[in-house]
C-alpha cells in the first residue's frame, strides 16, 4: 500500500524564524510556500532527497496547527506516506477497521490528494496518506 515517506509535517509558531534555522543552520533550502485556506495553514516545502519536510504555520487562531501547538507545542505533527491510489487505500483501511479522519480524499498542499488516519488507530501517530500525480 505505502510506497515511501512523502513528507514529515512539523508544526511551527513562526515560519520565517523556523526557516532561518533550516536554511542557515541545516542547509536545507525552502523551494516554495503555499497557503492552504481549507486547512488554515501556510506551508513551506523543504525537499531532502526524494522526501521533504513541510513546515506548517497556522493562518488562523482556531486552525488545526494552532490547536496542535497549544496542546502539544511545536514539533512533528504528522508523517505522510505516499500511495498510488488513495481511494483504494482508504477502502482497504476501512475494511481492516482503521479509524479515519477523512473517509474521502481532500485537497492538500502541493496539489496532493490527502486523507488522515486517526491517531487512536495508529498507535498515537497522525498519519496522512498522500497521492501525487
N, C-alpha and C. Protein backbone atom coordinates (compact mmCIF):
# COMPACT_ATOMS: atom_id res chain seq x y z
N UNK A 1 0.82 -1.19 0.00
CA UNK A 1 0.00 0.00 0.00
C UNK A 1 0.87 1.26 0.00
N UNK A 2 1.86 1.32 0.87
CA UNK A 2 2.69 2.51 1.03
C UNK A 2 3.96 2.37 0.19
N UNK A 3 4.30 3.43 -0.56
CA UNK A 3 5.49 3.42 -1.41
C UNK A 3 6.71 4.01 -0.73
N UNK A 4 6.49 5.10 0.03
CA UNK A 4 7.62 5.78 0.67
C UNK A 4 7.08 6.83 1.62
N UNK A 5 7.98 7.42 2.40
CA UNK A 5 7.62 8.58 3.21
C UNK A 5 7.59 9.76 2.24
N UNK A 6 6.42 10.40 2.13
CA UNK A 6 6.28 11.55 1.24
C UNK A 6 6.85 12.80 1.90
N UNK A 7 6.41 13.03 3.15
CA UNK A 7 6.92 14.18 3.89
C UNK A 7 6.65 14.02 5.38
N UNK A 8 7.33 14.86 6.15
CA UNK A 8 7.10 14.95 7.59
C UNK A 8 6.60 16.37 7.84
N UNK A 9 5.42 16.47 8.45
CA UNK A 9 4.83 17.76 8.75
C UNK A 9 5.23 18.23 10.14
N UNK A 10 5.79 19.42 10.23
CA UNK A 10 6.25 19.97 11.50
C UNK A 10 5.49 21.26 11.79
N UNK A 11 4.80 21.28 12.92
CA UNK A 11 4.03 22.45 13.34
C UNK A 11 4.97 23.48 13.95
N UNK A 12 4.86 24.73 13.46
CA UNK A 12 5.73 25.81 13.96
C UNK A 12 4.89 27.05 14.25
N UNK A 13 5.37 27.84 15.21
CA UNK A 13 4.68 29.09 15.54
C UNK A 13 5.00 30.18 14.53
N UNK A 14 6.27 30.27 14.11
CA UNK A 14 6.70 31.33 13.22
C UNK A 14 7.49 30.73 12.07
N UNK A 15 6.89 30.70 10.90
CA UNK A 15 7.50 30.07 9.74
C UNK A 15 8.83 30.73 9.36
N UNK A 16 8.88 32.05 9.37
CA UNK A 16 10.12 32.75 8.97
C UNK A 16 11.28 32.44 9.90
N UNK A 17 11.03 32.45 11.21
CA UNK A 17 12.10 32.12 12.17
C UNK A 17 12.56 30.68 12.00
N UNK A 18 11.62 29.78 11.81
CA UNK A 18 11.96 28.36 11.66
C UNK A 18 12.74 28.13 10.37
N UNK A 19 12.35 28.82 9.30
CA UNK A 19 13.07 28.69 8.03
C UNK A 19 14.52 29.12 8.15
N UNK A 20 14.80 30.14 8.94
CA UNK A 20 16.18 30.58 9.15
C UNK A 20 17.03 29.43 9.69
N UNK A 21 16.47 28.69 10.67
CA UNK A 21 17.19 27.55 11.24
C UNK A 21 17.44 26.49 10.17
N UNK A 22 16.39 26.09 9.45
CA UNK A 22 16.54 25.02 8.46
C UNK A 22 17.49 25.41 7.33
N UNK A 23 17.40 26.67 6.87
CA UNK A 23 18.23 27.10 5.75
C UNK A 23 19.65 27.48 6.18
N UNK A 24 19.77 28.28 7.22
CA UNK A 24 21.09 28.79 7.61
C UNK A 24 21.90 27.80 8.44
N UNK A 25 21.26 27.02 9.27
CA UNK A 25 21.99 26.09 10.14
C UNK A 25 22.09 24.70 9.52
N UNK A 26 20.97 24.16 9.03
CA UNK A 26 20.98 22.81 8.47
C UNK A 26 21.29 22.78 6.97
N UNK A 27 21.16 23.93 6.30
CA UNK A 27 21.45 23.98 4.87
C UNK A 27 20.38 23.38 3.99
N UNK A 28 19.15 23.26 4.50
CA UNK A 28 18.04 22.71 3.73
C UNK A 28 17.23 23.89 3.19
N UNK A 29 17.18 24.03 1.89
CA UNK A 29 16.55 25.20 1.28
C UNK A 29 15.05 25.01 1.04
N UNK A 30 14.31 26.05 1.31
CA UNK A 30 12.88 26.09 1.01
C UNK A 30 12.72 26.37 -0.47
N UNK A 31 11.92 25.53 -1.16
CA UNK A 31 11.72 25.73 -2.59
C UNK A 31 10.45 26.53 -2.89
N UNK A 32 9.48 26.51 -1.96
CA UNK A 32 8.27 27.30 -2.15
C UNK A 32 7.43 27.29 -0.88
N UNK A 33 6.47 28.19 -0.86
CA UNK A 33 5.49 28.22 0.22
C UNK A 33 4.11 28.28 -0.41
N UNK A 34 3.12 27.88 0.38
CA UNK A 34 1.75 27.86 -0.12
C UNK A 34 0.80 28.05 1.05
N UNK A 35 -0.27 28.78 0.84
CA UNK A 35 -1.33 28.87 1.84
C UNK A 35 -2.45 27.95 1.40
N UNK A 36 -2.86 27.05 2.31
CA UNK A 36 -3.98 26.15 2.05
C UNK A 36 -5.13 26.65 2.91
N UNK A 37 -6.00 27.45 2.30
CA UNK A 37 -7.10 28.09 3.02
C UNK A 37 -7.97 27.08 3.76
N UNK A 38 -8.29 25.97 3.08
CA UNK A 38 -9.17 24.94 3.65
C UNK A 38 -8.64 24.40 4.98
N UNK A 39 -7.31 24.33 5.10
CA UNK A 39 -6.70 23.79 6.31
C UNK A 39 -6.17 24.87 7.25
N UNK A 40 -6.34 26.14 6.87
CA UNK A 40 -5.92 27.28 7.68
C UNK A 40 -4.43 27.19 8.02
N UNK A 41 -3.63 26.97 6.96
CA UNK A 41 -2.21 26.76 7.19
C UNK A 41 -1.37 27.34 6.06
N UNK A 42 -0.18 27.82 6.44
CA UNK A 42 0.83 28.21 5.47
C UNK A 42 1.92 27.15 5.54
N UNK A 43 2.32 26.65 4.38
CA UNK A 43 3.26 25.53 4.30
C UNK A 43 4.52 25.97 3.56
N UNK A 44 5.67 25.60 4.12
CA UNK A 44 6.96 25.76 3.43
C UNK A 44 7.47 24.37 3.08
N UNK A 45 7.93 24.21 1.84
CA UNK A 45 8.40 22.91 1.35
C UNK A 45 9.91 22.89 1.30
N UNK A 46 10.50 21.90 2.00
CA UNK A 46 11.95 21.77 2.05
C UNK A 46 12.33 20.34 1.63
N UNK A 47 12.65 20.14 0.35
CA UNK A 47 12.99 18.78 -0.11
C UNK A 47 14.33 18.31 0.43
N UNK A 48 14.35 17.02 0.76
CA UNK A 48 15.58 16.34 1.18
C UNK A 48 15.57 14.99 0.46
N UNK A 49 16.41 14.84 -0.53
CA UNK A 49 16.39 13.61 -1.32
C UNK A 49 15.04 13.45 -2.00
N UNK A 50 14.43 12.28 -1.86
CA UNK A 50 13.13 12.07 -2.51
C UNK A 50 11.95 12.22 -1.54
N UNK A 51 12.20 12.88 -0.43
CA UNK A 51 11.13 13.20 0.52
C UNK A 51 11.26 14.68 0.86
N UNK A 52 10.42 15.18 1.75
CA UNK A 52 10.57 16.57 2.15
C UNK A 52 10.04 16.81 3.55
N UNK A 53 10.48 17.93 4.09
CA UNK A 53 9.95 18.44 5.35
C UNK A 53 8.95 19.52 4.96
N UNK A 54 7.78 19.49 5.59
CA UNK A 54 6.82 20.56 5.42
C UNK A 54 6.67 21.27 6.75
N UNK A 55 7.03 22.54 6.76
CA UNK A 55 6.84 23.36 7.95
C UNK A 55 5.46 23.98 7.87
N UNK A 56 4.68 23.85 8.95
CA UNK A 56 3.27 24.24 8.96
C UNK A 56 3.03 25.33 9.99
N UNK A 57 2.60 26.50 9.54
CA UNK A 57 2.25 27.61 10.42
C UNK A 57 0.76 27.90 10.25
N UNK A 58 0.05 27.99 11.35
CA UNK A 58 -1.38 28.27 11.28
C UNK A 58 -1.62 29.69 10.78
N UNK A 59 -2.64 29.84 9.95
CA UNK A 59 -3.03 31.18 9.48
C UNK A 59 -4.20 31.73 10.29
N UNK A 60 -4.77 30.90 11.14
CA UNK A 60 -5.91 31.29 11.98
C UNK A 60 -5.71 30.75 13.39
N UNK A 61 -6.21 31.48 14.38
CA UNK A 61 -6.08 31.05 15.78
C UNK A 61 -6.82 29.75 16.06
N UNK A 62 -7.86 29.45 15.28
CA UNK A 62 -8.65 28.23 15.50
C UNK A 62 -8.28 27.11 14.54
N UNK A 63 -7.18 27.27 13.80
CA UNK A 63 -6.77 26.25 12.84
C UNK A 63 -6.20 25.01 13.53
N UNK A 64 -6.18 23.89 12.82
CA UNK A 64 -5.68 22.64 13.41
C UNK A 64 -4.24 22.73 13.91
N UNK A 65 -3.39 23.47 13.19
CA UNK A 65 -1.99 23.59 13.62
C UNK A 65 -1.90 24.44 14.88
N UNK A 66 -2.68 25.51 14.96
CA UNK A 66 -2.68 26.34 16.18
C UNK A 66 -3.15 25.51 17.37
N UNK A 67 -4.17 24.70 17.17
CA UNK A 67 -4.68 23.84 18.26
C UNK A 67 -3.63 22.81 18.67
N UNK A 68 -2.95 22.24 17.68
CA UNK A 68 -1.90 21.27 17.97
C UNK A 68 -0.80 21.90 18.82
N UNK A 69 -0.33 23.08 18.42
CA UNK A 69 0.74 23.76 19.15
C UNK A 69 0.28 24.13 20.56
N UNK A 70 -0.95 24.57 20.68
CA UNK A 70 -1.48 24.93 22.01
C UNK A 70 -1.48 23.72 22.95
N UNK A 71 -1.81 22.57 22.40
CA UNK A 71 -1.91 21.34 23.21
C UNK A 71 -0.56 20.66 23.43
N UNK A 72 0.28 20.61 22.38
CA UNK A 72 1.50 19.81 22.44
C UNK A 72 2.79 20.58 22.22
N UNK A 73 2.67 21.82 21.78
CA UNK A 73 3.87 22.59 21.45
C UNK A 73 4.31 22.33 20.03
N UNK A 74 5.34 23.05 19.62
CA UNK A 74 5.87 22.88 18.28
C UNK A 74 6.51 21.50 18.15
N UNK A 75 6.52 20.99 16.92
CA UNK A 75 7.17 19.71 16.67
C UNK A 75 6.48 18.91 15.59
N UNK A 76 6.87 17.66 15.47
CA UNK A 76 6.30 16.79 14.43
C UNK A 76 4.81 16.65 14.66
N UNK A 77 4.04 17.00 13.63
CA UNK A 77 2.59 16.93 13.71
C UNK A 77 2.05 15.70 12.99
N UNK A 78 2.67 15.32 11.87
CA UNK A 78 2.24 14.13 11.15
C UNK A 78 3.34 13.58 10.27
N UNK A 79 3.16 12.33 9.85
CA UNK A 79 4.01 11.70 8.86
C UNK A 79 3.11 11.32 7.70
N UNK A 80 3.54 11.69 6.49
CA UNK A 80 2.75 11.39 5.29
C UNK A 80 3.41 10.28 4.50
N UNK A 81 2.60 9.29 4.13
CA UNK A 81 3.06 8.18 3.33
C UNK A 81 2.44 8.27 1.94
N UNK A 82 3.26 8.07 0.91
CA UNK A 82 2.80 8.13 -0.47
C UNK A 82 2.13 6.81 -0.84
N UNK A 83 0.98 6.93 -1.49
CA UNK A 83 0.26 5.78 -2.03
C UNK A 83 -0.04 6.06 -3.50
N UNK A 84 -0.24 4.98 -4.28
CA UNK A 84 -0.55 5.14 -5.70
C UNK A 84 -2.02 5.51 -5.92
N UNK A 85 -2.91 4.91 -5.11
CA UNK A 85 -4.34 5.10 -5.29
C UNK A 85 -4.97 5.35 -3.93
N UNK A 86 -5.22 6.61 -3.61
CA UNK A 86 -5.69 6.95 -2.27
C UNK A 86 -7.09 6.41 -1.99
N UNK A 87 -7.95 6.42 -3.00
CA UNK A 87 -9.31 5.89 -2.80
C UNK A 87 -9.26 4.41 -2.42
N UNK A 88 -8.44 3.65 -3.13
CA UNK A 88 -8.29 2.22 -2.85
C UNK A 88 -7.70 2.01 -1.45
N UNK A 89 -6.69 2.81 -1.10
CA UNK A 89 -6.06 2.69 0.22
C UNK A 89 -7.08 2.97 1.33
N UNK A 90 -7.91 4.00 1.14
CA UNK A 90 -8.93 4.32 2.15
C UNK A 90 -9.90 3.16 2.31
N UNK A 91 -10.34 2.59 1.21
CA UNK A 91 -11.28 1.46 1.29
C UNK A 91 -10.65 0.26 1.99
N UNK A 92 -9.40 -0.04 1.69
CA UNK A 92 -8.72 -1.16 2.33
C UNK A 92 -8.60 -0.93 3.84
N UNK A 93 -8.29 0.30 4.23
CA UNK A 93 -8.16 0.61 5.66
C UNK A 93 -9.51 0.52 6.37
N UNK A 94 -10.56 0.99 5.72
CA UNK A 94 -11.91 0.87 6.29
C UNK A 94 -12.25 -0.60 6.52
N UNK A 95 -11.96 -1.43 5.52
CA UNK A 95 -12.25 -2.87 5.63
C UNK A 95 -11.47 -3.52 6.77
N UNK A 96 -10.30 -2.97 7.09
CA UNK A 96 -9.47 -3.51 8.16
C UNK A 96 -9.82 -2.90 9.52
N UNK A 97 -10.84 -2.02 9.55
CA UNK A 97 -11.30 -1.45 10.80
C UNK A 97 -10.50 -0.27 11.32
N UNK A 98 -9.72 0.35 10.46
CA UNK A 98 -8.92 1.51 10.87
C UNK A 98 -9.82 2.74 10.91
N UNK A 99 -9.72 3.49 11.99
CA UNK A 99 -10.50 4.71 12.15
C UNK A 99 -9.87 5.82 11.29
N UNK A 100 -10.70 6.48 10.50
CA UNK A 100 -10.24 7.51 9.58
C UNK A 100 -10.76 8.88 10.00
N UNK A 101 -9.95 9.89 9.79
CA UNK A 101 -10.42 11.27 9.93
C UNK A 101 -11.10 11.67 8.64
N UNK A 102 -10.52 11.26 7.51
CA UNK A 102 -11.07 11.56 6.18
C UNK A 102 -11.46 10.27 5.49
N UNK A 103 -12.76 10.11 5.23
CA UNK A 103 -13.21 8.92 4.52
C UNK A 103 -13.19 9.12 3.01
N UNK A 104 -12.95 10.36 2.59
CA UNK A 104 -12.77 10.69 1.18
C UNK A 104 -11.56 11.60 1.08
N UNK A 105 -10.80 11.49 -0.01
CA UNK A 105 -9.63 12.36 -0.17
C UNK A 105 -10.04 13.83 -0.25
N UNK A 106 -9.12 14.70 0.19
CA UNK A 106 -9.33 16.13 0.06
C UNK A 106 -8.06 16.76 -0.48
N UNK A 107 -8.15 18.04 -0.82
CA UNK A 107 -7.01 18.76 -1.38
C UNK A 107 -5.98 19.01 -0.28
N UNK A 108 -4.73 18.76 -0.59
CA UNK A 108 -3.64 19.05 0.32
C UNK A 108 -2.61 19.96 -0.33
N UNK A 109 -1.64 20.36 0.43
CA UNK A 109 -0.59 21.24 -0.07
C UNK A 109 0.15 20.57 -1.23
N UNK A 110 0.63 21.39 -2.15
CA UNK A 110 1.38 20.88 -3.28
C UNK A 110 0.54 20.14 -4.30
N UNK A 111 -0.79 20.33 -4.23
CA UNK A 111 -1.69 19.69 -5.19
C UNK A 111 -1.95 18.21 -4.94
N UNK A 112 -1.57 17.72 -3.80
CA UNK A 112 -1.77 16.30 -3.48
C UNK A 112 -3.20 16.02 -3.06
N UNK A 113 -3.62 14.78 -3.26
CA UNK A 113 -4.86 14.29 -2.65
C UNK A 113 -4.44 13.65 -1.34
N UNK A 114 -5.12 14.01 -0.25
CA UNK A 114 -4.70 13.51 1.07
C UNK A 114 -5.88 12.98 1.86
N UNK A 115 -5.57 12.16 2.85
CA UNK A 115 -6.54 11.68 3.83
C UNK A 115 -5.76 11.30 5.09
N UNK A 116 -6.34 11.65 6.24
CA UNK A 116 -5.69 11.37 7.52
C UNK A 116 -6.32 10.17 8.21
N UNK A 117 -5.48 9.40 8.87
CA UNK A 117 -5.91 8.29 9.71
C UNK A 117 -5.92 8.79 11.15
N UNK A 118 -6.88 8.32 11.93
CA UNK A 118 -6.99 8.79 13.31
C UNK A 118 -5.88 8.19 14.17
N UNK A 119 -5.20 9.02 14.98
CA UNK A 119 -4.11 8.52 15.83
C UNK A 119 -4.52 7.41 16.80
N UNK A 120 -5.80 7.33 17.14
CA UNK A 120 -6.24 6.25 18.03
C UNK A 120 -6.17 4.89 17.36
N UNK A 121 -6.09 4.87 16.03
CA UNK A 121 -5.94 3.61 15.30
C UNK A 121 -4.51 3.36 14.84
N UNK A 122 -3.62 4.32 15.10
CA UNK A 122 -2.25 4.21 14.57
C UNK A 122 -1.20 4.39 15.66
N UNK A 123 -1.54 3.97 16.87
CA UNK A 123 -0.61 3.99 18.00
C UNK A 123 -0.07 5.39 18.29
N UNK A 124 -0.99 6.37 18.19
CA UNK A 124 -0.67 7.73 18.59
C UNK A 124 -0.01 8.61 17.54
N UNK A 125 0.16 8.10 16.32
CA UNK A 125 0.79 8.88 15.26
C UNK A 125 -0.29 9.34 14.27
N UNK A 126 -0.32 10.65 13.99
CA UNK A 126 -1.21 11.15 12.95
C UNK A 126 -0.57 10.82 11.61
N UNK A 127 -1.23 9.94 10.85
CA UNK A 127 -0.70 9.50 9.56
C UNK A 127 -1.55 10.10 8.46
N UNK A 128 -0.85 10.65 7.47
CA UNK A 128 -1.50 11.19 6.28
C UNK A 128 -1.16 10.28 5.11
N UNK A 129 -2.18 9.91 4.35
CA UNK A 129 -1.95 9.25 3.07
C UNK A 129 -1.90 10.34 2.02
N UNK A 130 -1.04 10.18 1.04
CA UNK A 130 -0.80 11.25 0.08
C UNK A 130 -0.64 10.63 -1.31
N UNK A 131 -1.43 11.12 -2.26
CA UNK A 131 -1.29 10.69 -3.65
C UNK A 131 -0.94 11.91 -4.49
N UNK A 132 0.14 11.77 -5.25
CA UNK A 132 0.58 12.86 -6.13
C UNK A 132 0.65 12.35 -7.56
N UNK A 133 0.39 13.25 -8.49
CA UNK A 133 0.46 12.84 -9.91
C UNK A 133 1.86 13.00 -10.44
